Each structure stands twice: as C-alpha cells, then as structure tokens.
C-alpha cells in the first residue's frame, strides 16, 4: 500500500507544473523564431518550387530545340558549301 506523503505529493505537482511551463515556453520560443524568420526573409524575392521547376523544364526544352536547330543549320551549310 502506498502512503500519502504531502511533501512528496506537492513536489510531484510542482515538477509536473514546471514541465508543462517549460514545454509552453519552448513552443512560444519556436513560434517567435519562426515569425522573426518570416519577417526577415519575407521581403526577399524567392520563387516557389513550382515556379522553379517550370522554368527549369522550359530551359531544358529550349536547350533541346537549340541542339535540333544547330543540326539543321549544319546540314544546310553543308548543302550550300558542298
């Protein structure tokens, strides 16, 4: 059987409260840091991942088209010069 020690019970309650307070302070600090980060970098011109991927695909397509045009140009120059 467990005995009721008021000192021990109060100490356990105090430790539980301290743990809850520490967890709350940690959440507040994390949220505040996120907000400061957003404020600091919010004015910069970053692109979204979707925009980046779209432009990357467009550049790859343009490179392929340039290669095809180079081959056609070389073939036409060979006809004219040969």
N, C-alpha and C. Protein backbone atom coordinates (compact mmCIF):
# COMPACT_ATOMS: atom_id res chain seq x y z
N UNK A 1 0.82 -1.18 0.00
CA UNK A 1 0.00 0.00 0.00
C UNK A 1 0.87 1.25 0.00
N UNK A 2 0.42 2.28 -0.66
CA UNK A 2 1.19 3.50 -0.80
C UNK A 2 0.76 4.50 0.25
N UNK A 3 1.77 5.11 0.87
CA UNK A 3 1.43 6.11 1.89
C UNK A 3 1.34 7.47 1.25
N UNK A 4 0.53 8.34 1.81
CA UNK A 4 0.33 9.70 1.30
C UNK A 4 1.29 10.63 2.03
N UNK A 5 2.32 11.04 1.35
CA UNK A 5 3.26 11.99 1.93
C UNK A 5 2.96 13.34 1.29
N UNK A 6 2.46 14.33 2.06
CA UNK A 6 2.10 15.61 1.47
C UNK A 6 3.28 16.34 0.82
N UNK A 7 4.44 16.22 1.43
CA UNK A 7 5.61 16.87 0.85
C UNK A 7 5.94 16.28 -0.52
N UNK A 8 5.92 14.95 -0.60
CA UNK A 8 6.21 14.28 -1.87
C UNK A 8 5.14 14.59 -2.92
N UNK A 9 3.88 14.61 -2.52
CA UNK A 9 2.80 14.91 -3.46
C UNK A 9 2.93 16.33 -3.99
N UNK A 10 3.26 17.28 -3.11
CA UNK A 10 3.44 18.66 -3.55
C UNK A 10 4.64 18.80 -4.48
N UNK A 11 5.71 18.05 -4.18
CA UNK A 11 6.89 18.10 -5.02
C UNK A 11 6.59 17.56 -6.42
N UNK A 12 5.83 16.48 -6.50
CA UNK A 12 5.46 15.91 -7.79
C UNK A 12 4.59 16.89 -8.58
N UNK A 13 3.65 17.52 -7.91
CA UNK A 13 2.80 18.52 -8.57
C UNK A 13 3.63 19.68 -9.10
N UNK A 14 4.60 20.12 -8.29
CA UNK A 14 5.48 21.21 -8.70
C UNK A 14 6.29 20.82 -9.93
N UNK A 15 6.82 19.62 -9.95
CA UNK A 15 7.61 19.16 -11.10
C UNK A 15 6.73 19.03 -12.35
N UNK A 16 5.53 18.54 -12.21
CA UNK A 16 4.61 18.46 -13.35
C UNK A 16 4.30 19.84 -13.91
N UNK A 17 4.08 20.79 -13.02
CA UNK A 17 3.80 22.17 -13.46
C UNK A 17 5.01 22.77 -14.16
N UNK A 18 6.19 22.51 -13.61
CA UNK A 18 7.42 23.03 -14.22
C UNK A 18 7.62 22.45 -15.62
N UNK A 19 7.35 21.16 -15.77
CA UNK A 19 7.50 20.53 -17.09
C UNK A 19 6.51 21.13 -18.09
N UNK A 20 5.29 21.36 -17.66
CA UNK A 20 4.30 21.99 -18.54
C UNK A 20 4.68 23.40 -18.92
N UNK A 21 5.20 24.14 -17.94
CA UNK A 21 5.64 25.52 -18.21
C UNK A 21 6.81 25.53 -19.19
N UNK A 22 7.76 24.61 -19.00
CA UNK A 22 8.91 24.52 -19.90
C UNK A 22 8.47 24.18 -21.32
N UNK A 23 7.53 23.26 -21.47
CA UNK A 23 7.03 22.89 -22.80
C UNK A 23 6.34 24.08 -23.45
N UNK A 24 5.57 24.83 -22.68
CA UNK A 24 4.90 26.01 -23.23
C UNK A 24 5.89 27.07 -23.65
N UNK A 25 6.93 27.29 -22.84
CA UNK A 25 7.95 28.28 -23.19
C UNK A 25 8.70 27.86 -24.45
N UNK A 26 8.94 26.57 -24.59
CA UNK A 26 9.62 26.06 -25.80
C UNK A 26 8.77 26.33 -27.04
N UNK A 27 7.47 26.07 -26.94
CA UNK A 27 6.58 26.33 -28.08
C UNK A 27 6.55 27.82 -28.43
N UNK A 28 6.49 28.65 -27.41
CA UNK A 28 6.46 30.10 -27.66
C UNK A 28 7.76 30.57 -28.32
N UNK A 29 8.89 30.07 -27.85
CA UNK A 29 10.17 30.46 -28.43
C UNK A 29 10.26 30.01 -29.89
N UNK A 30 9.80 28.79 -30.17
CA UNK A 30 9.84 28.28 -31.55
C UNK A 30 8.96 29.13 -32.46
N UNK A 31 7.75 29.45 -32.00
CA UNK A 31 6.84 30.27 -32.80
C UNK A 31 7.39 31.67 -33.02
N UNK A 32 8.00 32.25 -31.99
CA UNK A 32 8.58 33.58 -32.13
C UNK A 32 9.75 33.57 -33.12
N UNK A 33 10.57 32.53 -33.07
CA UNK A 33 11.69 32.43 -34.01
C UNK A 33 11.19 32.29 -35.44
N UNK A 34 10.15 31.50 -35.64
CA UNK A 34 9.57 31.37 -36.99
C UNK A 34 9.05 32.70 -37.49
N UNK A 35 8.38 33.44 -36.63
CA UNK A 35 7.83 34.74 -37.03
C UNK A 35 8.96 35.72 -37.38
N UNK A 36 10.03 35.73 -36.59
CA UNK A 36 11.16 36.61 -36.90
C UNK A 36 11.80 36.22 -38.23
N UNK A 37 11.89 34.93 -38.49
CA UNK A 37 12.46 34.45 -39.75
C UNK A 37 11.60 34.91 -40.92
N UNK A 38 10.28 34.79 -40.78
CA UNK A 38 9.38 35.24 -41.84
C UNK A 38 9.52 36.73 -42.09
N UNK A 39 9.62 37.51 -41.01
CA UNK A 39 9.77 38.96 -41.16
C UNK A 39 11.08 39.31 -41.83
N UNK A 40 12.16 38.61 -41.46
CA UNK A 40 13.48 38.92 -42.00
C UNK A 40 13.58 38.57 -43.48
N UNK A 41 13.03 37.43 -43.85
CA UNK A 41 13.17 36.97 -45.23
C UNK A 41 11.92 37.18 -46.07
N UNK A 42 10.90 37.77 -45.51
CA UNK A 42 9.66 37.97 -46.24
C UNK A 42 9.78 38.96 -47.39
N UNK A 43 10.67 39.92 -47.27
CA UNK A 43 10.82 40.93 -48.30
C UNK A 43 11.70 40.49 -49.47
N UNK A 44 12.38 39.37 -49.32
CA UNK A 44 13.26 38.91 -50.39
C UNK A 44 12.43 38.23 -51.47
N UNK A 45 12.94 38.26 -52.67
CA UNK A 45 12.22 37.69 -53.81
C UNK A 45 12.63 36.23 -54.03
N UNK A 46 12.01 35.35 -53.30
CA UNK A 46 12.22 33.92 -53.50
C UNK A 46 11.13 33.40 -54.42
N UNK A 47 11.47 32.37 -55.19
CA UNK A 47 10.45 31.75 -56.05
C UNK A 47 9.99 30.46 -55.40
N UNK A 48 8.78 30.07 -55.75
CA UNK A 48 8.25 28.83 -55.21
C UNK A 48 8.89 27.65 -55.95
N UNK A 49 8.78 26.49 -55.38
CA UNK A 49 9.34 25.30 -56.01
C UNK A 49 8.68 25.03 -57.35
N UNK A 50 7.37 25.27 -57.43
CA UNK A 50 6.65 25.04 -58.68
C UNK A 50 7.16 25.97 -59.78
N UNK A 51 7.39 27.24 -59.44
CA UNK A 51 7.91 28.19 -60.43
C UNK A 51 9.30 27.78 -60.90
N UNK A 52 10.13 27.35 -59.94
CA UNK A 52 11.48 26.93 -60.29
C UNK A 52 11.46 25.73 -61.23
N UNK A 53 10.63 24.73 -60.89
CA UNK A 53 10.55 23.54 -61.73
C UNK A 53 10.02 23.86 -63.13
N UNK A 54 9.07 24.80 -63.22
CA UNK A 54 8.53 25.20 -64.52
C UNK A 54 9.61 25.85 -65.38
N UNK A 55 10.37 26.78 -64.80
CA UNK A 55 11.42 27.46 -65.56
C UNK A 55 12.53 26.48 -65.93
N UNK A 56 12.83 25.54 -65.04
CA UNK A 56 13.85 24.54 -65.32
C UNK A 56 13.43 23.68 -66.52
N UNK A 57 12.17 23.28 -66.56
CA UNK A 57 11.67 22.48 -67.68
C UNK A 57 11.70 23.30 -68.98
N UNK A 58 11.34 24.58 -68.89
CA UNK A 58 11.38 25.43 -70.08
C UNK A 58 12.80 25.56 -70.60
N UNK A 59 13.77 25.69 -69.72
CA UNK A 59 15.18 25.81 -70.13
C UNK A 59 15.65 24.52 -70.79
N UNK A 60 15.25 23.38 -70.25
CA UNK A 60 15.65 22.10 -70.85
C UNK A 60 15.06 21.96 -72.25
N UNK A 61 13.80 22.35 -72.41
CA UNK A 61 13.15 22.30 -73.73
C UNK A 61 13.86 23.22 -74.71
N UNK A 62 14.21 24.42 -74.26
CA UNK A 62 14.91 25.38 -75.12
C UNK A 62 16.27 24.83 -75.54
N UNK A 63 16.99 24.19 -74.62
CA UNK A 63 18.28 23.59 -74.96
C UNK A 63 18.14 22.52 -76.04
N UNK A 64 17.11 21.69 -75.90
CA UNK A 64 16.88 20.64 -76.89
C UNK A 64 16.56 21.24 -78.25
N UNK A 65 15.74 22.28 -78.28
CA UNK A 65 15.39 22.93 -79.54
C UNK A 65 16.62 23.57 -80.18
N UNK A 66 17.50 24.15 -79.37
CA UNK A 66 18.73 24.75 -79.91
C UNK A 66 19.60 23.68 -80.55
N UNK A 67 19.70 22.53 -79.92
CA UNK A 67 20.50 21.45 -80.50
C UNK A 67 19.94 21.00 -81.84
N UNK A 68 18.62 20.87 -81.93
CA UNK A 68 17.99 20.48 -83.18
C UNK A 68 18.27 21.53 -84.26
N UNK A 69 18.13 22.81 -83.89
CA UNK A 69 18.37 23.88 -84.87
C UNK A 69 19.83 23.92 -85.30
N UNK A 70 20.76 23.63 -84.39
CA UNK A 70 22.18 23.59 -84.75
C UNK A 70 22.43 22.50 -85.79
N UNK A 71 21.80 21.34 -85.59
CA UNK A 71 21.96 20.24 -86.54
C UNK A 71 21.39 20.60 -87.91
N UNK A 72 20.22 21.25 -87.91
CA UNK A 72 19.61 21.66 -89.18
C UNK A 72 20.48 22.70 -89.88
N UNK A 73 21.01 23.64 -89.12
CA UNK A 73 21.87 24.67 -89.69
C UNK A 73 23.14 24.05 -90.28
N UNK A 74 23.72 23.11 -89.56
CA UNK A 74 24.92 22.45 -90.07
C UNK A 74 24.61 21.70 -91.37
N UNK A 75 23.44 21.05 -91.44
CA UNK A 75 23.06 20.33 -92.65
C UNK A 75 22.86 21.30 -93.82
N UNK A 76 22.22 22.44 -93.57
CA UNK A 76 22.02 23.43 -94.63
C UNK A 76 23.33 24.04 -95.08
N UNK A 77 24.21 24.31 -94.15
CA UNK A 77 25.54 24.86 -94.52
C UNK A 77 26.33 23.83 -95.33
N UNK A 78 26.17 22.57 -95.00
CA UNK A 78 26.88 21.52 -95.75
C UNK A 78 26.35 21.45 -97.19
N UNK A 79 25.02 21.61 -97.35
CA UNK A 79 24.43 21.60 -98.70
C UNK A 79 24.93 22.78 -99.52
N UNK A 80 24.94 23.94 -98.91
CA UNK A 80 25.33 25.15 -99.64
C UNK A 80 26.82 25.12 -99.95
N UNK A 81 27.60 24.75 -98.97
CA UNK A 81 29.05 24.77 -99.14
C UNK A 81 29.58 23.57 -99.90
N UNK A 82 28.87 22.49 -99.97
CA UNK A 82 29.39 21.26 -100.56
C UNK A 82 29.02 21.10 -101.97
